[in-house]
Amino acid sequence: MRIISKKRLRKYWEKHAQAKEPLLFWYDVAKKAQWQTIADAKQDFAHADAVGACTVFNIGGNSFRLITKIKYRYQIIYIRVVLTHAEYDKGDWKNDCGS
């Protein structure tokens, strides 16, 4: 998968150092993946969930949420935002996902 962009992940872990290792792990797995559906993503990340047009990944033992849009046909993952659990619970991110 092509991931756009690692820069968003890097900016996040520069502010939240504890997110660096789990985000890099997600990035390495996703980059090597060839997901065709959400079911494929769930094989690598069991807690991945489709929410509207987005796929949400639990990161770092549920400490963070990675919100993405995945274009399976083109093998592209767009990083939308990384949030703490508390930020995620506010639900503002859902506007970008159409839910």
Protein backbone atom coordinates (compact mmCIF):
# COMPACT_ATOMS: atom_id res chain seq x y z
CA MET A 1 0.00 0.00 0.00
CA ARG A 2 1.10 3.55 -0.69
CA ILE A 3 0.62 5.71 2.41
CA ILE A 4 -0.04 9.42 2.14
CA SER A 5 1.60 10.68 4.19
CA LYS A 6 4.09 9.49 6.76
CA LYS A 7 4.71 13.16 7.56
CA ARG A 8 1.37 13.37 9.41
CA LEU A 9 2.37 10.40 11.54
CA ARG A 10 5.78 11.93 12.24
CA LYS A 11 4.26 15.27 13.26
CA TYR A 12 1.99 13.44 15.68
CA TRP A 13 4.69 11.39 17.37
CA GLU A 14 6.86 14.49 17.71
CA LYS A 15 4.14 15.81 20.06
CA HIS A 16 3.19 12.41 21.53
CA ALA A 17 6.42 10.42 21.84
CA GLN A 18 4.64 7.33 23.18
CA ALA A 19 2.82 7.04 19.83
CA LYS A 20 6.00 6.72 17.76
CA GLU A 21 6.67 3.00 18.11
CA PRO A 22 3.06 1.84 17.55
CA LEU A 23 2.59 4.23 14.61
CA LEU A 24 5.81 3.01 12.99
CA PHE A 25 4.67 -0.58 13.50
CA TRP A 26 1.32 0.23 11.81
CA TYR A 27 3.13 2.02 8.98
CA ASP A 28 5.52 -0.89 8.34
CA VAL A 29 2.70 -3.46 8.26
CA ALA A 30 0.38 -1.30 6.13
CA LYS A 31 3.11 -0.39 3.65
CA LYS A 32 3.80 -4.07 2.93
CA ALA A 33 0.09 -4.98 2.78
CA GLN A 34 -2.03 -5.50 -0.32
CA TRP A 35 -5.45 -5.06 1.24
CA GLN A 36 -8.45 -5.38 -1.07
CA THR A 37 -11.16 -4.98 1.58
CA ILE A 38 -11.67 -4.03 5.22
CA ALA A 39 -11.60 -7.76 5.99
CA ASP A 40 -8.00 -7.87 4.71
CA ALA A 41 -7.06 -4.93 6.94
CA LYS A 42 -8.69 -6.71 9.88
CA GLN A 43 -6.44 -9.72 9.32
CA ASP A 44 -3.46 -7.49 10.14
CA PHE A 45 -5.25 -5.22 12.63
CA ALA A 46 -8.17 -7.01 14.26
CA HIS A 47 -9.61 -3.81 15.72
CA ALA A 48 -9.80 -1.91 12.41
CA ASP A 49 -13.29 -0.57 11.85
CA ALA A 50 -15.02 0.95 8.85
CA VAL A 51 -16.79 4.16 9.87
CA GLY A 52 -18.47 5.83 6.93
CA ALA A 53 -15.80 6.46 4.30
CA CYS A 54 -13.01 5.97 6.84
CA THR A 55 -11.13 3.12 8.42
CA VAL A 56 -10.22 3.60 12.08
CA PHE A 57 -7.27 1.77 13.62
CA ASN A 58 -6.62 1.39 17.36
CA ILE A 59 -3.00 2.28 17.96
CA GLY A 60 -0.82 1.66 21.00
CA GLY A 61 -3.14 -0.59 22.95
CA ASN A 62 -6.16 1.64 22.36
CA SER A 63 -4.33 4.83 23.48
CA PHE A 64 -4.62 6.44 20.04
CA ARG A 65 -6.88 6.28 17.01
CA LEU A 66 -5.59 6.52 13.47
CA ILE A 67 -8.26 7.74 11.05
CA THR A 68 -7.61 6.84 7.41
CA LYS A 69 -9.33 6.68 4.05
CA ILE A 70 -8.34 3.64 2.05
CA LYS A 71 -8.71 3.38 -1.72
CA TYR A 72 -8.31 -0.38 -2.06
CA ARG A 73 -8.53 -0.37 -5.85
CA TYR A 74 -5.56 1.99 -6.07
CA GLN A 75 -3.72 0.57 -3.04
CA ILE A 76 -3.53 3.98 -1.35
CA ILE A 77 -4.07 4.86 2.30
CA TYR A 78 -4.69 8.51 3.11
CA ILE A 79 -3.83 9.47 6.69
CA ARG A 80 -6.56 11.83 7.85
CA VAL A 81 -5.71 12.34 11.52
CA VAL A 82 -4.25 10.68 14.61
CA LEU A 83 -6.12 11.33 17.84
CA THR A 84 -5.85 10.50 21.49
CA HIS A 85 -8.66 8.37 22.82
CA ALA A 86 -10.25 11.45 24.44
CA GLU A 87 -10.09 13.47 21.20
CA TYR A 88 -11.59 10.56 19.29
CA ASP A 89 -14.50 10.33 21.73
CA LYS A 90 -15.49 13.94 20.94
CA GLY A 91 -16.46 12.70 17.47
CA ASP A 92 -15.39 15.77 15.45
CA TRP A 93 -13.43 13.51 13.07
CA LYS A 94 -16.67 11.93 11.84
CA ASN A 95 -17.42 14.98 9.68
CA ASP A 96 -14.56 13.94 7.39
CA CYS A 97 -15.91 10.40 7.15
CA GLY A 98 -19.49 11.11 6.22
CA SER A 99 -20.90 9.48 9.33
